[in-house]
Every structure is written in C-alpha cells, then in structure tokens.
Amino acid sequence: MAVVLIVDDDNAFRALLRTLFESGSGFDACVAAENALEALEKARQVSPNLAVLDLSMPEMNGLQLARELKAIAPKLPIFLLTADCDADTEKEALASGITAVFSKLDDLATLVDNAREVCGLE
C-alpha cells in the first residue's frame, strides 16, 4: 500500500494535492497535516512512502520538518514545494535530505509523476 503524507498550512492547496494523489496516481491513501507537529505524529502512525512538504509553514518550516522526518524514517523520499525557489533554497533542501524541490506555480502533475516514479508505482 503506497501512502503519501501531504503537509501544507493552506487548506485549499492541501485539498488540491490530495485530489491529485487520489485520482488514479497509484497511491492508495493520502494523509494530510496542516503543520509540522501534526505531520510528525502522523508519520509515526502510518509510515508513509512519500512526504510532500510546504517550505513556508508556521512553527517549523519544510526544511526543518524534513530533518525531523529523516530522523524517524531515514529512507523516506521527501518532496519540497515552494512558491519561491532559488538555488540556495534548493541546495539547502538537498542537504536536508529532501529528494526533490518543486514549484507550486508549475504543473503539479509533474510532481505526481515524479512521486509515482520515486515510489516505484510505474
């Protein structure tokens, strides 16, 4: 069973991602969290196959959350989503254990396609 953990503080964007992943992408379930603390709790409960994190969140940003998730599940693939991605952010993301960085402004079908590939669902 392939499970994706979606973490974003924007309810509408989180719902959009959930719809994309649940619409025949090969993922069996989506688990959503609106903040990092909720995400860590859910990650411990369900052992997701992939985490998709927003960069900008209150309390703990996506980079910090990625490091915490890697401490729980070192092999967990993590995608970072951001509206403003620059070379420094991408470099820091990769150093934090993030698998790939995607822009929220791009076609999100690309994110889902990459998620399927990373999780071996193709």
C-alpha atoms as a PDB file:
ATOM      1  CA  MET A   1       0.000   0.000   0.000  1.00  0.00           C
ATOM      2  CA  ALA A   2       1.521   3.339  -1.075  1.00  0.00           C
ATOM      3  CA  VAL A   3       0.752   6.235   1.254  1.00  0.00           C
ATOM      4  CA  VAL A   4       1.672   9.890   0.743  1.00  0.00           C
ATOM      5  CA  LEU A   5       1.901  12.395   3.615  1.00  0.00           C
ATOM      6  CA  ILE A   6       0.920  15.897   2.490  1.00  0.00           C
ATOM      7  CA  VAL A   7       1.927  18.779   4.761  1.00  0.00           C
ATOM      8  CA  ASP A   8       0.784  22.311   3.940  1.00  0.00           C
ATOM      9  CA  ASP A   9      -0.766  25.011   6.088  1.00  0.00           C
ATOM     10  CA  ASP A  10      -3.068  26.122   3.235  1.00  0.00           C
ATOM     11  CA  ASN A  11      -6.281  24.062   3.390  1.00  0.00           C
ATOM     12  CA  ALA A  12      -7.196  24.617  -0.270  1.00  0.00           C
ATOM     13  CA  PHE A  13      -3.747  23.680  -1.574  1.00  0.00           C
ATOM     14  CA  ARG A  14      -3.617  20.632   0.688  1.00  0.00           C
ATOM     15  CA  ALA A  15      -7.013  19.542  -0.670  1.00  0.00           C
ATOM     16  CA  LEU A  16      -5.809  20.065  -4.254  1.00  0.00           C
ATOM     17  CA  LEU A  17      -2.758  17.875  -3.666  1.00  0.00           C
ATOM     18  CA  ARG A  18      -4.885  15.225  -2.011  1.00  0.00           C
ATOM     19  CA  THR A  19      -7.213  15.173  -5.036  1.00  0.00           C
ATOM     20  CA  LEU A  20      -4.266  14.839  -7.431  1.00  0.00           C
ATOM     21  CA  PHE A  21      -2.781  11.932  -5.495  1.00  0.00           C
ATOM     22  CA  GLU A  22      -6.109  10.159  -5.031  1.00  0.00           C
ATOM     23  CA  SER A  23      -7.078  10.448  -8.730  1.00  0.00           C
ATOM     24  CA  GLY A  24      -5.593   7.289 -10.181  1.00  0.00           C
ATOM     25  CA  SER A  25      -1.965   8.096  -9.366  1.00  0.00           C
ATOM     26  CA  GLY A  26      -1.323   4.673  -7.868  1.00  0.00           C
ATOM     27  CA  PHE A  27      -1.256   5.890  -4.274  1.00  0.00           C
ATOM     28  CA  ASP A  28      -3.655   4.003  -2.044  1.00  0.00           C
ATOM     29  CA  ALA A  29      -4.038   6.682   0.604  1.00  0.00           C
ATOM     30  CA  CYS A  30      -3.247  10.283   1.448  1.00  0.00           C
ATOM     31  CA  VAL A  31      -2.615  11.504   4.947  1.00  0.00           C
ATOM     32  CA  ALA A  32      -2.775  15.266   5.361  1.00  0.00           C
ATOM     33  CA  ALA A  33      -1.373  17.529   8.046  1.00  0.00           C
ATOM     34  CA  GLU A  34      -1.582  21.292   8.388  1.00  0.00           C
ATOM     35  CA  ASN A  35       1.600  21.728  10.414  1.00  0.00           C
ATOM     36  CA  ALA A  36       4.867  20.026  11.251  1.00  0.00           C
ATOM     37  CA  LEU A  37       3.860  18.698  14.667  1.00  0.00           C
ATOM     38  CA  GLU A  38       0.773  17.024  13.237  1.00  0.00           C
ATOM     39  CA  ALA A  39       2.899  15.679  10.362  1.00  0.00           C
ATOM     40  CA  LEU A  40       5.423  14.076  12.723  1.00  0.00           C
ATOM     41  CA  GLU A  41       2.639  12.406  14.678  1.00  0.00           C
ATOM     42  CA  LYS A  42       1.012  11.051  11.512  1.00  0.00           C
ATOM     43  CA  ALA A  43       4.338   9.900  10.081  1.00  0.00           C
ATOM     44  CA  ARG A  44       4.899   7.799  13.191  1.00  0.00           C
ATOM     45  CA  GLN A  45       1.399   6.327  12.917  1.00  0.00           C
ATOM     46  CA  VAL A  46       1.236   5.429   9.210  1.00  0.00           C
ATOM     47  CA  SER A  47       4.844   5.118   7.929  1.00  0.00           C
ATOM     48  CA  PRO A  48       4.255   6.925   4.606  1.00  0.00           C
ATOM     49  CA  ASN A  49       6.054   6.000   1.380  1.00  0.00           C
ATOM     50  CA  LEU A  50       6.492   9.681   0.451  1.00  0.00           C
ATOM     51  CA  ALA A  51       6.175  13.060   2.153  1.00  0.00           C
ATOM     52  CA  VAL A  52       5.287  16.258   0.286  1.00  0.00           C
ATOM     53  CA  LEU A  53       6.122  19.323   2.381  1.00  0.00           C
ATOM     54  CA  ASP A  54       5.440  23.009   2.015  1.00  0.00           C
ATOM     55  CA  LEU A  55       8.525  25.145   2.602  1.00  0.00           C
ATOM     56  CA  SER A  56       6.819  28.031   4.406  1.00  0.00           C
ATOM     57  CA  MET A  57       4.832  26.966   7.449  1.00  0.00           C
ATOM     58  CA  PRO A  58       4.475  28.404  10.935  1.00  0.00           C
ATOM     59  CA  GLU A  59       6.364  26.858  13.872  1.00  0.00           C
ATOM     60  CA  MET A  60       8.666  24.686  11.727  1.00  0.00           C
ATOM     61  CA  ASN A  61       9.414  25.134   8.034  1.00  0.00           C
ATOM     62  CA  GLY A  62       9.663  22.348   5.478  1.00  0.00           C
ATOM     63  CA  LEU A  63      13.457  22.116   5.737  1.00  0.00           C
ATOM     64  CA  GLN A  64      13.327  21.646   9.492  1.00  0.00           C
ATOM     65  CA  LEU A  65      10.484  19.161   9.176  1.00  0.00           C
ATOM     66  CA  ALA A  66      12.434  17.180   6.567  1.00  0.00           C
ATOM     67  CA  ARG A  67      15.302  16.736   9.032  1.00  0.00           C
ATOM     68  CA  GLU A  68      12.866  15.554  11.733  1.00  0.00           C
ATOM     69  CA  LEU A  69      11.185  13.111   9.332  1.00  0.00           C
ATOM     70  CA  LYS A  70      14.557  11.730   8.267  1.00  0.00           C
ATOM     71  CA  ALA A  71      15.346  11.028  11.934  1.00  0.00           C
ATOM     72  CA  ILE A  72      12.155   8.923  12.106  1.00  0.00           C
ATOM     73  CA  ALA A  73      12.414   7.335   8.648  1.00  0.00           C
ATOM     74  CA  PRO A  74      15.873   7.784   7.089  1.00  0.00           C
ATOM     75  CA  LYS A  75      14.877   6.319   3.704  1.00  0.00           C
ATOM     76  CA  LEU A  76      11.640   8.310   3.308  1.00  0.00           C
ATOM     77  CA  PRO A  77      11.571  10.213  -0.008  1.00  0.00           C
ATOM     78  CA  ILE A  78      10.616  13.842   0.606  1.00  0.00           C
ATOM     79  CA  PHE A  79       9.456  16.420  -1.929  1.00  0.00           C
ATOM     80  CA  LEU A  80       9.518  20.125  -1.047  1.00  0.00           C
ATOM     81  CA  LEU A  81       7.002  22.552  -2.515  1.00  0.00           C
ATOM     82  CA  THR A  82       7.579  26.275  -2.597  1.00  0.00           C
ATOM     83  CA  ALA A  83       6.299  29.329  -4.439  1.00  0.00           C
ATOM     84  CA  ASP A  84       9.790  30.917  -4.450  1.00  0.00           C
ATOM     85  CA  CYS A  85      12.603  28.535  -5.141  1.00  0.00           C
ATOM     86  CA  ASP A  86      16.118  29.801  -5.644  1.00  0.00           C
ATOM     87  CA  ALA A  87      19.435  27.981  -5.930  1.00  0.00           C
ATOM     88  CA  ASP A  88      20.295  28.482  -2.243  1.00  0.00           C
ATOM     89  CA  THR A  89      16.963  27.061  -1.075  1.00  0.00           C
ATOM     90  CA  GLU A  90      17.332  24.067  -3.378  1.00  0.00           C
ATOM     91  CA  LYS A  91      20.891  23.441  -2.147  1.00  0.00           C
ATOM     92  CA  GLU A  92      19.783  23.620   1.492  1.00  0.00           C
ATOM     93  CA  ALA A  93      16.813  21.349   0.725  1.00  0.00           C
ATOM     94  CA  LEU A  94      19.007  18.659  -0.791  1.00  0.00           C
ATOM     95  CA  ALA A  95      21.400  18.936   2.176  1.00  0.00           C
ATOM     96  CA  SER A  96      18.397  18.416   4.492  1.00  0.00           C
ATOM     97  CA  GLY A  97      17.640  15.070   2.887  1.00  0.00           C
ATOM     98  CA  ILE A  98      14.955  16.281   0.516  1.00  0.00           C
ATOM     99  CA  THR A  99      14.705  14.226  -2.656  1.00  0.00           C
ATOM    100  CA  ALA A 100      13.418  16.968  -4.988  1.00  0.00           C
ATOM    101  CA  VAL A 101      12.125  20.548  -4.959  1.00  0.00           C
ATOM    102  CA  PHE A 102       9.068  21.618  -6.948  1.00  0.00           C
ATOM    103  CA  SER A 103       7.454  24.982  -7.547  1.00  0.00           C
ATOM    104  CA  LYS A 104       3.837  25.420  -6.533  1.00  0.00           C
ATOM    105  CA  LEU A 105       3.483  27.514  -9.681  1.00  0.00           C
ATOM    106  CA  ASP A 106       4.394  24.669 -12.049  1.00  0.00           C
ATOM    107  CA  ASP A 107       2.162  21.898 -13.346  1.00  0.00           C
ATOM    108  CA  LEU A 108       1.547  19.733 -10.290  1.00  0.00           C
ATOM    109  CA  ALA A 109       1.032  16.682 -12.498  1.00  0.00           C
ATOM    110  CA  THR A 110       4.847  16.670 -12.790  1.00  0.00           C
ATOM    111  CA  LEU A 111       5.083  16.328  -9.012  1.00  0.00           C
ATOM    112  CA  VAL A 112       2.674  13.368  -9.045  1.00  0.00           C
ATOM    113  CA  ASP A 113       4.530  11.718 -11.942  1.00  0.00           C
ATOM    114  CA  ASN A 114       7.826  12.058 -10.041  1.00  0.00           C
ATOM    115  CA  ALA A 115       6.169  10.723  -6.895  1.00  0.00           C
ATOM    116  CA  ARG A 116       4.986   7.628  -8.753  1.00  0.00           C
ATOM    117  CA  GLU A 117       8.477   7.075 -10.123  1.00  0.00           C
ATOM    118  CA  VAL A 118      10.224   7.525  -6.755  1.00  0.00           C
ATOM    119  CA  CYS A 119       7.786   5.125  -5.095  1.00  0.00           C
ATOM    120  CA  GLY A 120       8.028   2.540  -7.873  1.00  0.00           C
ATOM    121  CA  LEU A 121       4.396   2.846  -8.934  1.00  0.00           C
ATOM    122  CA  GLU A 122       5.085   2.998 -12.671  1.00  0.00           C
END
